[in-house]
Amino acid sequence: VTIACDAVLSSKSPYRKQDPDTWENELPVSKYANNLTQLDNGVRIPPRYVGNLPRIFDYSPLDPTQDFNTQ
């Protein structure tokens, strides 16, 4: 999962280039979310998706909620 997240963050999608300063300030951690633990649900992401992440994000729509295939 870490590899997949790193690939997403470092991808060079044209959609990400449109608004690079969206996250200007750090968001405070909610007192309700501060003590939550992440449980392993057993789902494994196949390596073939990790290798294709740059291509997937390059062709992803800017607003996935408006794209039927992404939903």
PDB file of N, CA and C in Angstrom:
ATOM      1  N   VAL A   1       0.829  -1.185   0.000  1.00  0.00           N
ATOM      2  CA  VAL A   1       0.000   0.000   0.000  1.00  0.00           C
ATOM      3  C   VAL A   1       0.876   1.253   0.000  1.00  0.00           C
ATOM      4  N   THR A   2       1.983   1.195   0.733  1.00  0.00           N
ATOM      5  CA  THR A   2       2.880   2.346   0.787  1.00  0.00           C
ATOM      6  C   THR A   2       3.446   2.664  -0.584  1.00  0.00           C
ATOM      7  N   ILE A   3       3.811   1.630  -1.335  1.00  0.00           N
ATOM      8  CA  ILE A   3       4.354   1.834  -2.678  1.00  0.00           C
ATOM      9  C   ILE A   3       3.296   2.476  -3.571  1.00  0.00           C
ATOM     10  N   ALA A   4       2.057   1.998  -3.444  1.00  0.00           N
ATOM     11  CA  ALA A   4       0.974   2.552  -4.260  1.00  0.00           C
ATOM     12  C   ALA A   4       0.730   4.021  -3.918  1.00  0.00           C
ATOM     13  N   CYS A   5       0.739   4.350  -2.640  1.00  0.00           N
ATOM     14  CA  CYS A   5       0.529   5.746  -2.228  1.00  0.00           C
ATOM     15  C   CYS A   5       1.667   6.638  -2.704  1.00  0.00           C
ATOM     16  N   ASP A   6       2.897   6.156  -2.603  1.00  0.00           N
ATOM     17  CA  ASP A   6       4.038   6.937  -3.077  1.00  0.00           C
ATOM     18  C   ASP A   6       3.947   7.184  -4.578  1.00  0.00           C
ATOM     19  N   ALA A   7       3.496   6.163  -5.316  1.00  0.00           N
ATOM     20  CA  ALA A   7       3.365   6.318  -6.763  1.00  0.00           C
ATOM     21  C   ALA A   7       2.279   7.337  -7.107  1.00  0.00           C
ATOM     22  N   VAL A   8       1.194   7.337  -6.352  1.00  0.00           N
ATOM     23  CA  VAL A   8       0.115   8.301  -6.583  1.00  0.00           C
ATOM     24  C   VAL A   8       0.610   9.721  -6.323  1.00  0.00           C
ATOM     25  N   LEU A   9       1.314   9.908  -5.226  1.00  0.00           N
ATOM     26  CA  LEU A   9       1.784  11.244  -4.867  1.00  0.00           C
ATOM     27  C   LEU A   9       2.839  11.776  -5.823  1.00  0.00           C
ATOM     28  N   SER A  10       3.618  10.877  -6.419  1.00  0.00           N
ATOM     29  CA  SER A  10       4.688  11.334  -7.304  1.00  0.00           C
ATOM     30  C   SER A  10       4.302  11.301  -8.785  1.00  0.00           C
ATOM     31  N   SER A  11       3.062  10.903  -9.090  1.00  0.00           N
ATOM     32  CA  SER A  11       2.656  10.830 -10.490  1.00  0.00           C
ATOM     33  C   SER A  11       2.600  12.221 -11.110  1.00  0.00           C
ATOM     34  N   LYS A  12       2.832  12.284 -12.417  1.00  0.00           N
ATOM     35  CA  LYS A  12       2.861  13.554 -13.137  1.00  0.00           C
ATOM     36  C   LYS A  12       1.630  13.673 -14.032  1.00  0.00           C
ATOM     37  N   SER A  13       0.485  13.732 -13.423  1.00  0.00           N
ATOM     38  CA  SER A  13      -0.766  13.836 -14.151  1.00  0.00           C
ATOM     39  C   SER A  13      -1.038  15.290 -14.539  1.00  0.00           C
ATOM     40  N   PRO A  14      -1.581  15.532 -15.729  1.00  0.00           N
ATOM     41  CA  PRO A  14      -1.920  16.911 -16.100  1.00  0.00           C
ATOM     42  C   PRO A  14      -2.988  17.500 -15.184  1.00  0.00           C
ATOM     43  N   TYR A  15      -3.802  16.657 -14.593  1.00  0.00           N
ATOM     44  CA  TYR A  15      -4.833  17.148 -13.687  1.00  0.00           C
ATOM     45  C   TYR A  15      -4.225  17.664 -12.392  1.00  0.00           C
ATOM     46  N   ARG A  16      -3.161  17.024 -11.931  1.00  0.00           N
ATOM     47  CA  ARG A  16      -2.499  17.474 -10.707  1.00  0.00           C
ATOM     48  C   ARG A  16      -1.758  18.787 -10.944  1.00  0.00           C
ATOM     49  N   LYS A  17      -1.320  19.034 -12.180  1.00  0.00           N
ATOM     50  CA  LYS A  17      -0.575  20.250 -12.487  1.00  0.00           C
ATOM     51  C   LYS A  17      -1.492  21.474 -12.524  1.00  0.00           C
ATOM     52  N   GLN A  18      -2.794  21.264 -12.697  1.00  0.00           N
ATOM     53  CA  GLN A  18      -3.714  22.390 -12.813  1.00  0.00           C
ATOM     54  C   GLN A  18      -3.838  23.176 -11.514  1.00  0.00           C
ATOM     55  N   ASP A  19      -3.784  22.509 -10.377  1.00  0.00           N
ATOM     56  CA  ASP A  19      -3.973  23.180  -9.098  1.00  0.00           C
ATOM     57  C   ASP A  19      -2.972  22.643  -8.077  1.00  0.00           C
ATOM     58  N   PRO A  20      -1.694  23.018  -8.195  1.00  0.00           N
ATOM     59  CA  PRO A  20      -0.670  22.445  -7.322  1.00  0.00           C
ATOM     60  C   PRO A  20      -0.711  22.957  -5.890  1.00  0.00           C
ATOM     61  N   ASP A  21      -1.364  24.093  -5.628  1.00  0.00           N
ATOM     62  CA  ASP A  21      -1.348  24.671  -4.287  1.00  0.00           C
ATOM     63  C   ASP A  21      -2.671  24.472  -3.550  1.00  0.00           C
ATOM     64  N   THR A  22      -3.342  23.380  -3.825  1.00  0.00           N
ATOM     65  CA  THR A  22      -4.620  23.135  -3.188  1.00  0.00           C
ATOM     66  C   THR A  22      -4.466  22.937  -1.687  1.00  0.00           C
ATOM     67  N   TRP A  23      -3.439  22.201  -1.269  1.00  0.00           N
ATOM     68  CA  TRP A  23      -3.229  21.895   0.145  1.00  0.00           C
ATOM     69  C   TRP A  23      -2.171  22.841   0.692  1.00  0.00           C
ATOM     70  N   GLU A  24      -2.576  24.029   1.075  1.00  0.00           N
ATOM     71  CA  GLU A  24      -1.623  25.015   1.554  1.00  0.00           C
ATOM     72  C   GLU A  24      -1.285  24.823   3.025  1.00  0.00           C
ATOM     73  N   ASN A  25      -2.280  24.588   3.859  1.00  0.00           N
ATOM     74  CA  ASN A  25      -2.057  24.492   5.300  1.00  0.00           C
ATOM     75  C   ASN A  25      -2.295  23.072   5.792  1.00  0.00           C
ATOM     76  N   GLU A  26      -1.623  22.736   6.886  1.00  0.00           N
ATOM     77  CA  GLU A  26      -1.846  21.440   7.510  1.00  0.00           C
ATOM     78  C   GLU A  26      -3.220  21.446   8.182  1.00  0.00           C
ATOM     79  N   LEU A  27      -3.942  20.358   8.034  1.00  0.00           N
ATOM     80  CA  LEU A  27      -5.231  20.248   8.693  1.00  0.00           C
ATOM     81  C   LEU A  27      -5.024  19.674  10.092  1.00  0.00           C
ATOM     82  N   PRO A  28      -5.701  20.201  11.092  1.00  0.00           N
ATOM     83  CA  PRO A  28      -5.541  19.656  12.443  1.00  0.00           C
ATOM     84  C   PRO A  28      -6.174  18.272  12.532  1.00  0.00           C
ATOM     85  N   VAL A  29      -5.603  17.436  13.378  1.00  0.00           N
ATOM     86  CA  VAL A  29      -6.140  16.095  13.586  1.00  0.00           C
ATOM     87  C   VAL A  29      -7.318  16.201  14.544  1.00  0.00           C
ATOM     88  N   SER A  30      -8.421  15.620  14.153  1.00  0.00           N
ATOM     89  CA  SER A  30      -9.613  15.638  14.988  1.00  0.00           C
ATOM     90  C   SER A  30      -9.373  14.849  16.270  1.00  0.00           C
ATOM     91  N   LYS A  31      -9.967  15.290  17.363  1.00  0.00           N
ATOM     92  CA  LYS A  31      -9.815  14.558  18.621  1.00  0.00           C
ATOM     93  C   LYS A  31     -10.462  13.179  18.518  1.00  0.00           C
ATOM     94  N   TYR A  32     -11.411  13.013  17.610  1.00  0.00           N
ATOM     95  CA  TYR A  32     -12.067  11.725  17.424  1.00  0.00           C
ATOM     96  C   TYR A  32     -11.213  10.776  16.585  1.00  0.00           C
ATOM     97  N   ALA A  33     -10.431  11.326  15.680  1.00  0.00           N
ATOM     98  CA  ALA A  33      -9.606  10.503  14.800  1.00  0.00           C
ATOM     99  C   ALA A  33      -8.206  10.288  15.348  1.00  0.00           C
ATOM    100  N   ASN A  34      -7.855  10.980  16.404  1.00  0.00           N
ATOM    101  CA  ASN A  34      -6.496  10.933  16.930  1.00  0.00           C
ATOM    102  C   ASN A  34      -6.101   9.543  17.420  1.00  0.00           C
ATOM    103  N   ASN A  35      -7.031   8.794  18.002  1.00  0.00           N
ATOM    104  CA  ASN A  35      -6.701   7.494  18.586  1.00  0.00           C
ATOM    105  C   ASN A  35      -7.183   6.311  17.759  1.00  0.00           C
ATOM    106  N   LEU A  36      -7.597   6.553  16.533  1.00  0.00           N
ATOM    107  CA  LEU A  36      -8.051   5.454  15.686  1.00  0.00           C
ATOM    108  C   LEU A  36      -6.871   4.621  15.208  1.00  0.00           C
ATOM    109  N   THR A  37      -7.074   3.326  15.125  1.00  0.00           N
ATOM    110  CA  THR A  37      -6.040   2.451  14.590  1.00  0.00           C
ATOM    111  C   THR A  37      -6.517   1.897  13.258  1.00  0.00           C
ATOM    112  N   GLN A  38      -5.585   1.703  12.353  1.00  0.00           N
ATOM    113  CA  GLN A  38      -5.923   1.168  11.043  1.00  0.00           C
ATOM    114  C   GLN A  38      -5.781  -0.345  11.093  1.00  0.00           C
ATOM    115  N   LEU A  39      -6.839  -1.044  10.753  1.00  0.00           N
ATOM    116  CA  LEU A  39      -6.843  -2.498  10.777  1.00  0.00           C
ATOM    117  C   LEU A  39      -6.556  -3.045   9.389  1.00  0.00           C
ATOM    118  N   ASP A  40      -5.870  -4.173   9.349  1.00  0.00           N
ATOM    119  CA  ASP A  40      -5.590  -4.837   8.075  1.00  0.00           C
ATOM    120  C   ASP A  40      -6.840  -5.598   7.650  1.00  0.00           C
ATOM    121  N   ASN A  41      -7.417  -5.220   6.519  1.00  0.00           N
ATOM    122  CA  ASN A  41      -8.624  -5.889   6.047  1.00  0.00           C
ATOM    123  C   ASN A  41      -8.316  -7.067   5.124  1.00  0.00           C
ATOM    124  N   GLY A  42      -7.043  -7.342   4.891  1.00  0.00           N
ATOM    125  CA  GLY A  42      -6.652  -8.489   4.093  1.00  0.00           C
ATOM    126  C   GLY A  42      -6.643  -8.242   2.594  1.00  0.00           C
ATOM    127  N   VAL A  43      -7.016  -7.059   2.138  1.00  0.00           N
ATOM    128  CA  VAL A  43      -7.040  -6.754   0.711  1.00  0.00           C
ATOM    129  C   VAL A  43      -5.624  -6.440   0.248  1.00  0.00           C
ATOM    130  N   ARG A  44      -5.191  -7.110  -0.794  1.00  0.00           N
ATOM    131  CA  ARG A  44      -3.855  -6.887  -1.353  1.00  0.00           C
ATOM    132  C   ARG A  44      -4.000  -6.318  -2.760  1.00  0.00           C
ATOM    133  N   ILE A  45      -3.221  -5.305  -3.060  1.00  0.00           N
ATOM    134  CA  ILE A  45      -3.244  -4.693  -4.386  1.00  0.00           C
ATOM    135  C   ILE A  45      -2.241  -5.431  -5.261  1.00  0.00           C
ATOM    136  N   PRO A  46      -2.689  -6.008  -6.384  1.00  0.00           N
ATOM    137  CA  PRO A  46      -1.772  -6.737  -7.255  1.00  0.00           C
ATOM    138  C   PRO A  46      -0.671  -5.827  -7.796  1.00  0.00           C
ATOM    139  N   PRO A  47       0.545  -6.356  -7.938  1.00  0.00           N
ATOM    140  CA  PRO A  47       1.675  -5.548  -8.422  1.00  0.00           C
ATOM    141  C   PRO A  47       1.447  -4.938  -9.801  1.00  0.00           C
ATOM    142  N   ARG A  48       0.612  -5.552 -10.636  1.00  0.00           N
ATOM    143  CA  ARG A  48       0.398  -5.001 -11.980  1.00  0.00           C
ATOM    144  C   ARG A  48      -0.250  -3.621 -11.920  1.00  0.00           C
ATOM    145  N   TYR A  49      -1.026  -3.344 -10.876  1.00  0.00           N
ATOM    146  CA  TYR A  49      -1.623  -2.019 -10.737  1.00  0.00           C
ATOM    147  C   TYR A  49      -0.600  -0.996 -10.265  1.00  0.00           C
ATOM    148  N   VAL A  50       0.314  -1.415  -9.412  1.00  0.00           N
ATOM    149  CA  VAL A  50       1.330  -0.494  -8.901  1.00  0.00           C
ATOM    150  C   VAL A  50       2.219  -0.015 -10.040  1.00  0.00           C
ATOM    151  N   GLY A  51       2.579  -0.902 -10.960  1.00  0.00           N
ATOM    152  CA  GLY A  51       3.418  -0.523 -12.088  1.00  0.00           C
ATOM    153  C   GLY A  51       2.720   0.390 -13.076  1.00  0.00           C
ATOM    154  N   ASN A  52       1.393   0.324 -13.123  1.00  0.00           N
ATOM    155  CA  ASN A  52       0.626   1.129 -14.081  1.00  0.00           C
ATOM    156  C   ASN A  52       0.072   2.420 -13.490  1.00  0.00           C
ATOM    157  N   LEU A  53       0.402   2.730 -12.251  1.00  0.00           N
ATOM    158  CA  LEU A  53      -0.175   3.916 -11.622  1.00  0.00           C
ATOM    159  C   LEU A  53       0.082   5.213 -12.373  1.00  0.00           C
ATOM    160  N   PRO A  54       1.293   5.474 -12.864  1.00  0.00           N
ATOM    161  CA  PRO A  54       1.478   6.735 -13.599  1.00  0.00           C
ATOM    162  C   PRO A  54       0.551   6.848 -14.812  1.00  0.00           C
ATOM    163  N   ARG A  55       0.390   5.756 -15.549  1.00  0.00           N
ATOM    164  CA  ARG A  55      -0.491   5.777 -16.721  1.00  0.00           C
ATOM    165  C   ARG A  55      -1.950   5.940 -16.295  1.00  0.00           C
ATOM    166  N   ILE A  56      -2.331   5.255 -15.225  1.00  0.00           N
ATOM    167  CA  ILE A  56      -3.710   5.350 -14.752  1.00  0.00           C
ATOM    168  C   ILE A  56      -4.043   6.781 -14.347  1.00  0.00           C
ATOM    169  N   PHE A  57      -3.144   7.429 -13.618  1.00  0.00           N
ATOM    170  CA  PHE A  57      -3.426   8.785 -13.155  1.00  0.00           C
ATOM    171  C   PHE A  57      -3.283   9.825 -14.255  1.00  0.00           C
ATOM    172  N   ASP A  58      -2.473   9.553 -15.262  1.00  0.00           N
ATOM    173  CA  ASP A  58      -2.376  10.485 -16.382  1.00  0.00           C
ATOM    174  C   ASP A  58      -3.681  10.554 -17.168  1.00  0.00           C
ATOM    175  N   TYR A  59      -4.416   9.449 -17.207  1.00  0.00           N
ATOM    176  CA  TYR A  59      -5.661   9.406 -17.968  1.00  0.00           C
ATOM    177  C   TYR A  59      -6.900   9.485 -17.086  1.00  0.00           C
ATOM    178  N   SER A  60      -6.729   9.784 -15.805  1.00  0.00           N
ATOM    179  CA  SER A  60      -7.868   9.910 -14.898  1.00  0.00           C
ATOM    180  C   SER A  60      -8.525  11.271 -15.069  1.00  0.00           C
ATOM    181  N   PRO A  61      -9.839  11.329 -14.894  1.00  0.00           N
ATOM    182  CA  PRO A  61     -10.528  12.619 -15.018  1.00  0.00           C
ATOM    183  C   PRO A  61     -10.224  13.518 -13.821  1.00  0.00           C
ATOM    184  N   LEU A  62     -10.387  14.797 -14.025  1.00  0.00           N
ATOM    185  CA  LEU A  62     -10.152  15.757 -12.956  1.00  0.00           C
ATOM    186  C   LEU A  62     -11.148  15.553 -11.814  1.00  0.00           C
ATOM    187  N   ASP A  63     -12.394  15.322 -12.147  1.00  0.00           N
ATOM    188  CA  ASP A  63     -13.432  15.117 -11.139  1.00  0.00           C
ATOM    189  C   ASP A  63     -14.003  13.709 -11.286  1.00  0.00           C
ATOM    190  N   PRO A  64     -13.507  12.737 -10.508  1.00  0.00           N
ATOM    191  CA  PRO A  64     -13.955  11.352 -10.665  1.00  0.00           C
ATOM    192  C   PRO A  64     -15.436  11.148 -10.365  1.00  0.00           C
ATOM    193  N   THR A  65     -16.058  12.061  -9.618  1.00  0.00           N
ATOM    194  CA  THR A  65     -17.476  11.898  -9.317  1.00  0.00           C
ATOM    195  C   THR A  65     -18.349  12.086 -10.549  1.00  0.00           C
ATOM    196  N   GLN A  66     -17.802  12.726 -11.582  1.00  0.00           N
ATOM    197  CA  GLN A  66     -18.553  12.960 -12.813  1.00  0.00           C
ATOM    198  C   GLN A  66     -18.220  11.941 -13.905  1.00  0.00           C
ATOM    199  N   ASP A  67     -17.375  10.962 -13.564  1.00  0.00           N
ATOM    200  CA  ASP A  67     -16.942   9.982 -14.551  1.00  0.00           C
ATOM    201  C   ASP A  67     -17.518   8.614 -14.193  1.00  0.00           C
ATOM    202  N   PHE A  68     -18.350   8.064 -15.048  1.00  0.00           N
ATOM    203  CA  PHE A  68     -19.020   6.799 -14.753  1.00  0.00           C
ATOM    204  C   PHE A  68     -18.033   5.649 -14.576  1.00  0.00           C
ATOM    205  N   ASN A  69     -16.989   5.572 -15.403  1.00  0.00           N
ATOM    206  CA  ASN A  69     -16.037   4.471 -15.307  1.00  0.00           C
ATOM    207  C   ASN A  69     -15.270   4.485 -13.992  1.00  0.00           C
ATOM    208  N   THR A  70     -14.967   5.647 -13.460  1.00  0.00           N
ATOM    209  CA  THR A  70     -14.247   5.739 -12.199  1.00  0.00           C
ATOM    210  C   THR A  70     -15.133   5.340 -11.034  1.00  0.00           C
ATOM    211  N   GLN A  71     -16.395   5.666 -11.113  1.00  0.00           N
ATOM    212  CA  GLN A  71     -17.311   5.331 -10.024  1.00  0.00           C
ATOM    213  C   GLN A  71     -17.475   3.843  -9.941  1.00  0.00           C
TER     214      GLN A  71
END
